Protein backbone atom coordinates (compact mmCIF):
# COMPACT_ATOMS: atom_id res chain seq x y z
CA MET A 1 219.62 -31.31 113.17
CA SER A 2 222.63 -32.42 115.02
CA ALA A 3 223.95 -35.36 113.15
CA GLU A 4 225.93 -36.66 115.86
CA ALA A 5 223.08 -37.42 117.96
CA SER A 6 221.38 -40.02 115.79
CA ILE A 7 224.97 -41.87 115.20
CA GLY A 8 223.94 -45.66 117.04
CA PRO A 9 226.81 -47.90 118.29
CA THR A 10 228.73 -49.04 115.60
CA GLN A 11 228.49 -52.79 114.41
CA CYS A 12 231.07 -54.81 113.14
CA ILE A 13 231.51 -56.45 109.94
CA ARG A 14 230.87 -59.72 111.20
CA SER A 15 227.88 -59.04 112.53
CA LEU A 16 225.98 -58.72 109.21
CA PHE A 17 226.55 -62.52 108.76
CA SER A 18 225.33 -63.18 112.35
CA GLU A 19 222.76 -65.81 111.16
CA TYR A 20 225.22 -67.72 108.82
CA GLU A 21 227.49 -68.22 111.89
CA ARG A 22 224.41 -70.70 112.90
CA VAL A 23 225.66 -73.04 110.10
CA ASN A 24 227.60 -75.81 111.50
CA ASN A 25 230.13 -75.67 108.53
CA HIS A 26 233.70 -74.86 108.46
CA ILE A 27 233.39 -73.48 104.58
CA VAL A 28 231.28 -70.51 105.73
CA SER A 29 232.95 -70.10 109.16
CA GLU A 30 236.33 -69.63 107.32
CA TYR A 31 235.03 -67.36 105.06
CA ILE A 32 233.07 -65.33 107.29
CA SER A 33 235.99 -64.84 109.42
CA SER A 34 238.23 -63.71 106.28
CA ILE A 35 236.07 -60.74 106.03
CA PRO A 36 238.01 -57.82 106.90
CA GLU A 37 236.67 -55.22 109.60
CA SER A 38 238.66 -52.54 108.87
CA LEU A 39 240.58 -50.98 105.75
CA SER A 40 244.03 -51.57 106.68
CA ASP A 41 243.20 -55.33 107.09
CA ALA A 42 241.25 -55.43 103.47
CA VAL A 43 244.67 -53.68 102.33
CA LYS A 44 246.58 -56.51 104.28
CA ARG A 45 244.48 -59.51 103.11
CA VAL A 46 244.52 -58.17 99.51
CA ARG A 47 248.38 -57.98 99.46
CA GLU A 48 248.92 -61.21 100.94
CA GLN A 49 246.69 -63.06 98.40
CA LEU A 50 248.32 -61.48 95.10
CA THR A 51 249.49 -63.65 92.21
CA VAL A 52 250.97 -63.06 88.70
CA THR A 53 248.55 -64.04 86.19
CA ASN A 54 250.45 -66.27 83.51
CA THR A 55 248.15 -68.53 82.00
CA GLU A 56 247.69 -67.40 78.24
CA ASN A 57 243.85 -68.25 79.04
CA VAL A 58 243.35 -65.45 81.34
CA LEU A 59 245.77 -63.06 79.57
CA SER A 60 243.50 -63.55 76.14
CA ASN A 61 240.74 -63.03 78.34
CA ARG A 62 242.00 -59.98 79.54
CA ARG A 63 243.01 -59.00 75.93
CA LYS A 64 239.01 -59.28 74.83
CA LEU A 65 237.83 -57.59 78.15
CA ALA A 66 239.89 -54.65 77.22
CA LYS A 67 238.39 -54.31 73.90
CA HIS A 68 234.94 -53.96 75.17
CA ILE A 69 235.89 -51.77 77.91
CA ALA A 70 237.55 -49.38 75.35
CA ALA A 71 234.01 -49.30 73.51
CA PHE A 72 232.02 -48.20 76.50
CA HIS A 73 234.61 -45.41 77.77
CA SER A 74 234.70 -43.88 74.05
CA GLN A 75 230.47 -44.50 73.91
CA ALA A 76 229.97 -42.74 77.53
CA GLY A 77 232.74 -40.05 76.52
CA THR A 78 235.11 -41.21 79.60
CA ASP A 79 238.04 -42.48 77.70
CA PHE A 80 240.23 -40.27 79.55
CA PRO A 81 244.08 -40.43 79.41
CA ASP A 82 243.93 -41.89 83.04
CA VAL A 83 241.25 -44.59 81.73
CA ASN A 84 242.88 -45.63 78.99
CA ARG A 85 246.30 -46.34 81.05
CA SER A 86 244.33 -48.55 83.49
CA ARG A 87 242.92 -50.30 80.49
CA MET A 88 246.46 -51.22 78.84
CA ASN A 89 247.26 -52.27 82.49
CA ILE A 90 244.54 -54.82 82.55
CA GLN A 91 246.40 -56.90 79.94
CA ASP A 92 249.71 -56.79 82.15
CA PRO A 93 250.43 -60.19 83.27
CA SER A 94 251.03 -58.93 86.94
CA ALA A 95 247.79 -56.92 87.03
CA GLN A 96 245.71 -57.14 89.61
CA ILE A 97 241.81 -56.59 89.45
CA MET A 98 239.69 -55.20 92.05
CA ILE A 99 236.07 -55.92 91.08
CA SER A 100 232.74 -54.62 92.36
CA ILE A 101 229.21 -55.36 90.66
CA HIS A 102 225.74 -53.82 90.14
CA GLN A 103 222.84 -53.10 87.97
CA PRO A 104 222.55 -50.17 86.13
CA ASN A 105 220.00 -48.83 87.99
CA LEU A 106 217.65 -44.97 87.69
CA PHE A 107 220.16 -42.68 89.33
CA ALA A 108 221.63 -45.25 91.81
CA TYR A 109 221.94 -44.85 95.57
CA GLY A 110 224.93 -44.25 97.16
CA GLY A 111 225.91 -47.90 98.23
CA VAL A 112 226.77 -48.63 94.47
CA PHE A 113 229.10 -45.34 94.57
CA LYS A 114 230.60 -45.93 97.72
CA LYS A 115 231.77 -49.67 96.54
CA ILE A 116 233.78 -47.90 93.87
CA VAL A 117 235.61 -45.46 96.49
CA LEU A 118 236.15 -48.65 98.56
CA LEU A 119 238.34 -50.20 95.73
CA GLN A 120 239.77 -46.79 94.63
CA THR A 121 241.15 -46.76 98.52
CA ILE A 122 242.51 -49.91 98.63
CA LYS A 123 244.10 -49.31 94.96
CA SER A 124 245.94 -46.24 95.99
CA MET A 125 247.02 -47.54 99.38
CA LEU A 126 248.52 -50.87 97.78
CA GLU A 127 250.14 -48.71 95.13
CA GLN A 128 251.55 -46.59 97.63
CA GLY A 129 253.24 -49.72 99.63
CA ASN A 130 254.17 -50.95 96.21
CA ASP A 131 257.49 -53.41 95.92
CA PRO A 132 260.01 -52.40 93.08
CA SER A 133 258.11 -55.18 90.65
CA ASN A 134 255.82 -52.06 90.25
CA THR A 135 252.51 -54.32 90.64
CA ARG A 136 249.30 -52.84 88.79
CA PHE A 137 245.76 -52.32 90.45
CA ILE A 138 242.66 -52.14 88.15
CA ASN A 139 239.66 -51.18 90.06
CA LEU A 140 236.83 -52.61 87.50
CA PHE A 141 233.22 -52.11 87.75
CA LEU A 142 230.88 -54.88 85.86
CA ILE A 143 227.50 -53.24 84.64
CA VAL A 144 225.13 -56.45 85.03
CA ASP A 145 222.39 -54.88 82.10
CA HIS A 146 220.65 -57.93 81.25
CA ASP A 147 218.26 -57.92 84.46
CA PHE A 148 214.41 -57.50 83.26
CA MET A 149 212.72 -54.01 83.54
CA ASP A 150 210.36 -55.57 86.00
CA ASP A 151 212.67 -54.91 88.99
CA VAL A 152 211.84 -51.97 90.76
CA TRP A 153 215.42 -50.82 91.79
CA VAL A 154 216.01 -50.33 88.09
CA ARG A 155 213.38 -47.85 87.02
CA VAL A 156 212.84 -45.65 90.49
CA ALA A 157 215.22 -43.67 91.85
CA GLN A 158 214.14 -42.15 95.59
CA LEU A 159 214.70 -38.61 97.67
CA PRO A 160 213.35 -38.18 100.82
CA SER A 161 210.70 -35.80 101.02
CA VAL A 162 207.52 -35.79 103.92
CA ARG A 163 205.49 -33.81 101.06
CA HIS A 164 205.05 -37.24 99.29
CA SER A 165 203.09 -40.72 99.82
CA ASP A 166 205.31 -42.86 102.54
CA GLY A 167 207.91 -39.73 103.08
CA VAL A 168 209.29 -40.38 99.53
CA LEU A 169 209.52 -38.94 96.07
CA GLU A 170 210.08 -41.03 93.35
CA LEU A 171 211.81 -40.47 89.98
CA ARG A 172 210.23 -42.98 87.76
CA MET A 173 211.11 -44.24 84.37
CA PRO A 174 207.60 -45.86 82.84
CA ILE A 175 207.31 -48.98 81.33
CA THR A 176 204.11 -51.15 80.01
CA GLY A 177 203.37 -54.41 80.32
CA SER A 178 204.61 -55.57 77.43
CA ASN A 179 208.25 -54.21 78.47
CA ARG A 180 208.06 -55.62 82.04
CA TRP A 181 210.49 -58.93 80.98
CA LYS A 182 212.35 -57.02 78.45
CA LEU A 183 216.06 -56.80 79.20
CA VAL A 184 217.56 -53.27 80.72
CA ARG A 185 220.49 -53.30 77.86
CA ASN A 186 217.38 -53.64 75.42
CA MET A 187 215.28 -50.97 76.67
CA GLU A 188 215.40 -47.66 74.54
CA ALA A 189 216.16 -44.72 76.81
CA PRO A 190 212.96 -42.53 77.68
CA PRO A 191 211.94 -39.71 75.73
CA VAL A 192 213.44 -36.31 76.53
CA THR A 193 210.01 -35.51 78.11
CA ILE A 194 210.35 -37.93 80.78
CA VAL A 195 214.13 -36.88 81.65
CA ASP A 196 212.83 -33.40 81.88
CA GLN A 197 210.02 -34.31 84.14
CA TRP A 198 212.45 -35.70 86.65
CA ARG A 199 214.77 -32.67 86.39
CA LYS A 200 211.53 -30.51 87.14
CA GLN A 201 210.56 -32.86 90.05
CA VAL A 202 214.05 -31.93 91.53
CA VAL A 203 213.97 -28.71 91.09
CA THR A 204 210.28 -28.68 92.61
CA TRP A 205 211.56 -30.73 95.62
CA ILE A 206 214.40 -28.21 96.16
CA LYS A 207 212.17 -25.03 96.19
CA ASN A 208 209.89 -26.79 98.05
CA GLY A 209 212.39 -27.61 100.78
CA SER A 210 213.94 -24.42 100.55
CA LEU A 211 210.97 -22.51 101.56
CA SER A 212 209.90 -24.80 104.29
CA LEU A 213 213.34 -24.34 106.02
CA GLY A 214 213.41 -20.42 105.08
CA LEU A 215 216.90 -21.33 103.37
CA GLY A 216 218.90 -18.12 102.59
CA LYS A 217 219.72 -17.00 99.14
CA ASN A 218 223.34 -18.57 99.08
CA GLU A 219 222.21 -21.57 100.49
CA ARG A 220 219.65 -22.14 97.63
CA LEU A 221 221.72 -20.99 94.90
CA THR A 222 224.37 -23.83 96.43
CA LEU A 223 221.64 -26.56 96.15
CA PHE A 224 220.63 -25.45 92.50
CA GLU A 225 224.61 -25.02 91.20
CA ASN A 226 225.24 -28.60 92.46
CA LEU A 227 222.23 -29.81 91.18
CA GLU A 228 223.07 -28.19 87.40
CA GLN A 229 226.66 -29.63 87.64
CA PHE A 230 224.84 -33.22 88.51
CA TRP A 231 222.78 -32.74 85.41
CA GLU A 232 225.17 -31.49 82.87
CA GLU A 233 226.29 -35.16 83.27
CA VAL A 234 222.63 -36.40 82.84
CA ASP A 235 222.37 -34.53 79.64
CA GLU A 236 225.61 -35.81 78.34
CA SER A 237 224.92 -39.41 79.03
CA TYR A 238 221.49 -39.26 78.05
CA ASN A 239 222.79 -37.59 74.13
CA ARG A 240 225.00 -40.64 74.42
CA ALA A 241 222.84 -43.26 75.18
CA LYS A 242 221.69 -46.00 72.47
CA SER A 243 219.62 -47.74 75.46
CA TYR A 244 218.24 -47.27 78.75
CA ALA A 245 221.04 -49.02 80.22
CA ASP A 246 223.53 -46.79 78.52
CA LEU A 247 222.12 -43.65 80.02
CA ASN A 248 221.99 -45.20 83.67
CA SER A 249 225.72 -46.36 83.06
CA PHE A 250 226.98 -43.41 81.61
CA ILE A 251 225.83 -41.43 84.61
CA ILE A 252 227.95 -43.38 87.09
CA SER A 253 230.81 -43.63 84.54
CA ARG A 254 230.91 -39.90 84.02
CA VAL A 255 230.45 -39.19 87.84
CA VAL A 256 233.24 -41.48 88.76
CA ASN A 257 235.68 -40.81 85.93
CA LYS A 258 235.22 -37.14 84.88
CA ILE A 259 234.13 -35.52 88.14
CA TRP A 260 236.15 -37.44 90.43
CA GLY A 261 238.96 -38.36 88.13
CA TYR A 262 239.13 -42.20 89.16
CA ASP A 263 240.69 -44.59 86.43
CA THR A 264 238.07 -47.01 87.25
CA LEU A 265 237.34 -49.20 84.16
CA PHE A 266 233.56 -49.90 83.36
CA VAL A 267 232.35 -52.65 80.93
CA ARG A 268 228.97 -54.28 80.32
CA LEU A 269 227.73 -58.02 81.18
CA SER A 270 226.10 -58.06 77.90
CA ASP A 271 229.15 -57.52 76.06
CA ILE A 272 231.78 -60.12 77.58
CA SER A 273 230.36 -63.21 76.88
CA GLU A 274 233.44 -64.38 74.65
CA VAL A 275 235.31 -63.92 77.91
CA PHE A 276 233.46 -66.25 79.51
CA GLU A 277 233.50 -69.05 76.85
CA GLY A 278 235.89 -71.36 78.98
CA GLY A 279 234.14 -70.94 82.13
CA PHE A 280 230.91 -71.47 80.32
CA ASN A 281 232.21 -75.02 79.14
CA PHE A 282 233.63 -75.62 82.38
CA LEU A 283 230.85 -75.23 84.43
CA LEU A 284 228.39 -76.98 81.70
CA ASN A 285 230.93 -79.88 81.64
CA ASN A 286 230.87 -80.03 85.34
CA PHE A 287 227.32 -79.14 85.70
CA LYS A 288 226.01 -82.35 88.06
CA LYS A 289 228.82 -81.51 90.44
CA TYR A 290 227.66 -77.72 90.15
CA SER A 291 223.68 -78.39 90.63
CA GLY A 292 224.38 -80.83 93.93
CA ILE A 293 226.89 -78.12 95.29
CA LEU A 294 223.59 -75.75 95.17
CA SER A 295 221.23 -78.44 96.08
CA GLU A 296 223.41 -79.56 98.99
CA SER A 297 224.13 -75.38 99.99
CA GLU A 298 220.47 -74.46 99.97
CA MET A 299 219.61 -77.41 102.15
CA MET A 300 222.30 -76.62 104.55
CA PHE A 301 221.02 -72.90 105.23
CA LEU A 302 217.46 -74.22 105.13
CA ARG A 303 218.08 -76.70 107.93
CA SER A 304 219.61 -73.64 109.85
CA GLY A 305 216.55 -71.20 109.23
CA ILE A 306 218.25 -69.42 106.80
CA ASN A 307 216.69 -67.80 103.66
CA THR A 308 219.46 -66.85 101.25
CA GLY A 309 217.04 -65.46 98.68
CA VAL A 310 218.37 -68.03 96.24
CA SER A 311 215.76 -69.68 94.81
CA GLN A 312 215.55 -73.28 96.19
CA SER A 313 215.10 -74.91 92.28
CA THR A 314 218.15 -72.82 91.20
CA TYR A 315 219.98 -76.09 90.90
CA LEU A 316 217.70 -77.17 88.52
CA ASN A 317 218.68 -74.48 86.07
CA ALA A 318 221.82 -74.42 83.95
CA PRO A 319 224.09 -71.73 85.09
CA VAL A 320 223.12 -69.14 81.96
CA TRP A 321 220.21 -67.53 80.72
CA LEU A 322 219.61 -67.67 76.71
CA HIS A 323 218.52 -64.45 75.31
CA CYS A 324 215.81 -64.71 72.77
CA LYS A 325 215.07 -62.24 69.90
CA CYS A 326 212.16 -60.41 71.17
CA GLY A 327 214.64 -58.56 73.71
CA SER A 328 213.97 -60.78 76.66
CA LYS A 329 215.66 -64.13 78.04
CA ALA A 330 214.82 -67.89 79.20
CA SER A 331 216.01 -69.75 82.37
CA VAL A 332 217.24 -73.15 80.82
CA LYS A 333 217.68 -76.69 81.66
CA LEU A 334 220.47 -79.06 80.13
CA LYS A 335 218.37 -82.02 78.88
CA GLU A 336 220.76 -84.80 77.45
CA ILE A 337 218.91 -86.10 74.11
CA GLU A 338 220.94 -89.19 72.94
CA GLY A 339 224.63 -90.41 72.19
CA GLY A 340 226.27 -87.46 74.40
CA ILE A 341 223.97 -85.04 72.47
CA PHE A 342 222.38 -82.05 75.01
CA ASP A 343 220.41 -79.31 74.61
CA LEU A 344 220.33 -75.97 76.48
CA SER A 345 216.20 -75.64 76.51
CA GLY A 346 213.72 -73.11 78.06
CA VAL A 347 210.77 -70.73 77.35
CA CYS A 348 210.94 -67.01 76.82
CA MET A 349 209.76 -65.00 79.64
CA SER A 350 208.29 -62.48 77.62
CA CYS A 351 207.18 -63.88 74.33
CA LYS A 352 206.72 -67.28 75.31
CA ARG A 353 209.07 -68.45 72.68
CA PRO A 354 210.66 -72.12 72.83
CA LEU A 355 214.79 -71.50 72.53
CA THR A 356 216.91 -74.24 72.16
CA VAL A 357 220.87 -74.62 72.16
CA ARG A 358 222.39 -77.80 71.14
CA LEU A 359 225.51 -79.32 72.74
CA ASP A 360 227.81 -81.94 71.19
CA ARG A 361 229.54 -83.77 74.23
CA SER A 362 232.21 -85.25 71.32
CA ASP A 363 233.14 -81.45 71.70
CA SER A 364 233.37 -81.31 75.58
CA HIS A 365 229.98 -79.08 75.41
CA ARG A 366 231.73 -76.20 73.55
CA ILE A 367 229.22 -73.58 72.79
CA PRO A 368 229.27 -72.67 69.19
CA SER A 369 230.55 -69.07 69.09
CA ASN A 370 227.89 -67.85 66.95
CA ILE A 371 225.54 -68.23 69.85
CA LEU A 372 228.01 -66.87 73.03
CA ASN A 373 226.35 -63.28 72.42
CA GLU A 374 223.18 -64.91 73.23
CA LEU A 375 224.33 -66.09 76.56
CA SER A 376 224.70 -64.27 79.83
CA PRO A 377 225.52 -65.76 83.54
CA ARG A 378 222.89 -66.31 86.25
CA ALA A 379 223.61 -64.39 89.36
CA ILE A 380 225.51 -67.22 91.39
CA PRO A 381 227.97 -67.66 88.57
CA ILE A 382 228.98 -64.52 87.51
CA LEU A 383 231.79 -64.08 90.34
CA LEU A 384 232.68 -67.64 89.49
CA LEU A 385 233.41 -66.33 85.96
CA LEU A 386 235.11 -63.83 86.96
CA SER A 387 237.70 -65.17 89.17
CA ASN A 388 237.81 -68.25 86.80
CA ASP A 389 238.36 -66.48 83.69
CA LEU A 390 240.09 -63.36 84.38
CA GLY A 391 241.73 -63.66 87.71
CA LEU A 392 240.72 -61.37 90.73
CA CYS A 393 242.16 -60.60 93.77
CA CYS A 394 239.41 -58.12 95.53
CA TYR A 395 235.67 -58.32 95.36
CA ALA A 396 233.41 -55.31 96.99
CA SER A 397 229.95 -56.92 97.99
CA GLY A 398 226.93 -54.98 99.08
CA THR A 399 224.98 -55.42 102.09
CA GLY A 400 221.58 -56.62 100.93
CA GLY A 401 220.04 -59.69 98.92
CA SER A 402 223.96 -60.00 97.10
CA MET A 403 225.33 -61.37 100.39
CA GLY A 404 222.88 -64.75 100.18
CA TYR A 405 224.50 -65.38 96.71
CA THR A 406 227.90 -64.59 97.92
CA MET A 407 227.34 -67.05 100.82
CA VAL A 408 225.89 -69.87 98.39
CA GLY A 409 228.85 -69.20 95.71
CA ARG A 410 231.24 -69.79 98.24
CA MET A 411 230.35 -73.15 98.48
CA VAL A 412 230.47 -73.64 94.67
CA PHE A 413 234.05 -71.73 94.35
CA LYS A 414 235.26 -74.06 97.50
CA GLU A 415 233.93 -77.31 95.72
CA LEU A 416 235.03 -76.38 92.20
CA SER A 417 238.60 -75.94 93.53
CA ILE A 418 238.62 -72.11 92.16
CA LYS A 419 240.02 -69.55 93.98
CA MET A 420 237.82 -66.77 95.54
CA PRO A 421 238.72 -63.02 95.70
CA VAL A 422 239.09 -61.36 99.49
CA THR A 423 235.50 -60.14 99.71
CA VAL A 424 235.43 -56.44 101.62
CA VAL A 425 231.74 -55.11 102.52
CA TRP A 426 231.88 -51.58 103.36
CA ALA A 427 228.57 -51.22 105.74
CA SER A 428 228.71 -47.67 107.28
CA GLU A 429 225.55 -45.74 107.38
CA ASP A 430 225.77 -42.13 106.15
CA VAL A 431 224.46 -40.04 109.06
CA TYR A 432 223.47 -36.35 107.36
CA SER A 433 220.55 -33.78 107.61
CA GLY A 434 220.07 -32.90 104.23
CA LEU A 435 217.61 -31.04 102.90
CA GLY A 436 214.69 -33.35 102.51
CA GLN A 437 215.55 -34.77 106.15
CA THR A 438 215.65 -31.74 107.66
CA GLU A 439 212.37 -30.61 106.60
CA ALA A 440 210.82 -34.19 107.56
CA LEU A 441 212.22 -33.55 110.99
CA GLN A 442 211.11 -30.04 111.44
CA THR A 443 207.38 -31.35 110.48
CA LEU A 444 207.67 -32.69 114.12
CA LYS A 445 210.40 -30.23 115.53
CA PHE A 446 212.24 -33.15 116.67
CA LYS A 447 216.22 -33.38 116.12
CA ASN A 448 216.74 -36.76 115.07
CA SER A 449 215.17 -39.77 113.54
CA ALA A 450 215.64 -41.32 117.32
CA GLU A 451 213.65 -38.92 118.86
CA VAL A 452 210.51 -39.70 116.19
CA MET A 453 210.86 -43.12 116.48
CA ARG A 454 210.33 -43.15 120.34
CA TYR A 455 207.61 -40.51 119.82
CA VAL A 456 206.08 -43.23 117.27
CA GLU A 457 206.24 -46.03 120.01
CA GLN A 458 204.35 -43.47 122.50
CA LEU A 459 201.76 -43.04 120.30
CA ARG A 460 200.94 -46.72 119.59
CA LEU A 461 201.01 -47.41 123.24
CA THR A 462 198.16 -44.31 124.03
CA LEU A 463 196.33 -46.14 120.71
CA SER A 464 196.55 -49.45 122.12
CA ASN A 465 194.88 -47.65 125.45
CA PHE A 466 191.97 -46.65 123.57
CA ASN A 467 190.60 -49.72 123.75
CA THR A 468 190.44 -50.22 127.32
CA LYS A 469 189.11 -46.90 127.60
CA VAL A 470 186.45 -47.41 124.84
CA ILE A 471 185.20 -50.70 125.66
CA PRO A 472 183.83 -49.86 129.20
CA LEU A 473 181.93 -47.15 127.78
CA LEU A 474 180.22 -49.34 125.07
CA SER A 475 179.35 -51.68 127.28
CA LYS A 476 177.49 -48.59 129.48
CA ARG A 477 175.80 -47.33 126.44
CA ALA A 478 174.49 -50.59 126.04
CA ASP A 479 172.82 -51.00 129.26
CA LEU A 480 171.57 -47.64 129.43
CA ALA A 481 169.88 -48.58 125.95
CA LYS A 482 168.16 -51.35 127.47
CA GLY A 483 167.04 -49.47 130.72
CA GLY A 484 166.15 -46.92 127.98
CA HIS A 485 168.40 -44.09 130.14
CA GLU A 486 169.87 -41.09 128.89
CA MET A 487 172.94 -41.99 127.02
CA LYS A 488 174.01 -38.22 126.16
CA ASP A 489 176.96 -38.10 128.82
CA VAL A 490 178.16 -41.50 127.38
CA LEU A 491 178.05 -40.48 123.73
CA ASP A 492 179.71 -37.35 124.33
CA GLU A 493 182.37 -39.14 126.08
CA LEU A 494 182.47 -41.41 123.09
CA ASP A 495 182.91 -38.97 120.37
CA VAL A 496 185.85 -37.12 122.32
CA LEU A 497 187.93 -40.33 122.36
CA LYS A 498 187.12 -41.27 118.85
CA GLN A 499 188.49 -37.55 118.02
CA GLU A 500 191.71 -38.05 120.14
CA GLN A 501 191.75 -41.42 118.37
CA ARG A 502 191.56 -39.85 115.06
CA ASN A 503 194.16 -37.43 116.07
CA THR A 504 196.75 -39.91 117.31
CA ARG A 505 196.30 -41.97 113.66
CA GLN A 506 197.01 -38.86 112.10
CA ARG A 507 199.90 -37.91 114.20
CA LEU A 508 201.12 -41.61 113.33
CA LYS A 509 201.03 -41.45 109.76
CA ILE A 510 202.78 -38.40 109.69
CA SER A 511 205.46 -39.72 112.14
CA ASP A 512 205.78 -42.66 110.00
CA LYS A 513 205.95 -40.73 106.78
CA VAL A 514 209.03 -38.26 108.88
CA ILE A 515 211.05 -41.51 109.50
CA ARG A 516 210.77 -43.02 106.36
CA ALA A 517 212.13 -40.05 104.91
CA SER A 518 214.73 -39.28 107.67
CA THR A 519 216.35 -43.18 107.24
CA LEU A 520 216.01 -43.50 104.00
CA LYS A 521 219.08 -44.88 101.52
CA PRO A 522 218.64 -42.26 99.05
CA CYS A 523 219.79 -41.99 95.33
CA ILE A 524 222.84 -40.45 94.40
CA ILE A 525 220.98 -37.23 93.44
CA ASP A 526 220.57 -36.61 97.12
CA TYR A 527 224.13 -36.50 97.58
CA ALA A 528 224.68 -34.41 94.86
CA VAL A 529 222.45 -31.77 95.86
CA ASN A 530 223.41 -31.25 99.38
CA PHE A 531 227.00 -31.88 99.43
CA GLY A 532 228.09 -31.81 95.58
CA LEU A 533 229.76 -34.58 93.82
CA LYS A 534 233.25 -34.13 94.47
CA ASN A 535 232.50 -33.04 98.29
CA THR A 536 230.65 -36.46 98.39
CA GLU A 537 233.72 -38.71 97.26
CA ASN A 538 235.99 -36.33 99.68
CA ILE A 539 233.72 -36.79 102.91
CA TRP A 540 233.34 -40.64 101.95
CA ARG A 541 236.96 -41.63 101.49
CA ASN A 542 238.40 -39.53 104.32
CA ASN A 543 236.35 -40.77 107.02
CA LEU A 544 237.04 -44.48 104.80
CA ILE A 545 240.71 -43.92 106.26
CA ARG A 546 240.23 -42.01 108.98
CA ASN A 547 237.82 -44.13 110.70
CA ASP A 548 239.98 -47.60 109.57
CA ASP A 549 236.51 -49.42 110.39
CA LEU A 550 234.60 -50.66 107.25
CA ALA A 551 231.15 -50.51 110.03
CA MET A 552 231.41 -47.31 111.59
CA PRO A 553 228.72 -44.62 110.53
CA ILE A 554 229.97 -41.67 108.09
CA LEU A 555 229.03 -37.99 109.26
CA MET A 556 228.32 -36.27 106.36
CA GLN A 557 229.22 -32.69 106.68
CA GLY A 558 229.68 -30.04 103.93
């Protein structure tokens, strides 16, 4: 396939927020206008907002953070010299933190890794143009490991495969009904038989695709060598992991820190509640204002016909989750009892046990230190707490569901007078013809997914035209039956049409699978197998720098 033929017109980053521009609100408009369209613009905007972090509270929080970063990298086996140097630098008052955030998904998809590449590239460009003060820049990745196992993307990884249902091969982490509401961090690592099964599925996928495409011995060997390089990190991560979240997080860290040689720092959200103590207290002390902003913001977006993905009842809940001994958590409400005494109360999502934490207004809603580790922030406050308690200069957002949360969060930042970091979005589509994509397209002898889509439209038109042919024949058959006349010719014609209709539906089903396989946003294994992990990073980074356009598609060529 000629990958170039499938590259469509480039959109701008601003178009991602087009529906939000319908909102007549200056905060929203200013925020959208502040999001860079190019890499060079991103570097410029970050440089313009640099500030020296000299408050003892923030520096104290960074020292606490560094301790948990060290623990993670020691456990992952990625405490390399550059990583340790970066960890020490984060405690410097002049250090500038850039952050990306994501759940520890099974074999995370390419976009998770691209956020890290984006920030590392911005970091390198900022350091190249450094002033004599030698400002230190930190690329930090926050692992949101307190989500439920019920989240499908936490436990499913996808590869393009026309041989499978819907054109997708799924690698799955099996869970029982009792584990649906368990937190990812509390889920045990899978049995080794499951990990071995994942590898066997991928090996079979490579074998079948290679045979179907008639690949030569050297081409097949390269694909399997690429897989083995990746699976070495999977095996090492598995041997070190104490939980399912560890397994997935360690894989990401080992790709980024070991294979790519990045000094990116990793830390678990569940480890750093002590870092957020001041932020938790601030939000709880200002809960009425915080809740009011959420309610007003959501109503503002709804009036403009925008669904942000944020629950309409979010404003009723406290900004924290309360964790349960069973391994799950509860959504809690802040309730006044009497005389300045407040409770954080809720019911565990899994065991249905009532959970309560008592707060004393006379102590400024301070949270007892012994229960801090049982709290974690809800989605919207995460970035706000990071900015308030650690100081950030840049945040790499995704292009999916997180965008709605970020837009609502921007309103909260503004009204609570907390400085929001520069938001960067790398929305480029990866255009390439890998093993699974090529096999899918070859099924219909097309060069790219655009041709398949045109073919599908023709098939759908053909199906709709069958009705105009069949209905008159059915009427004719009825008339002949009433008159007792011979119907063989009409019945034969109907049989031919119905067979053509069945054939068209079958071709449409196959075409839909081909489209799904050829347009899928696959997990990192697809990149590892087709390009090799190191080469994948080179392609992404080089295109990012050369294109200087955060929305331009990337032509992936090995």
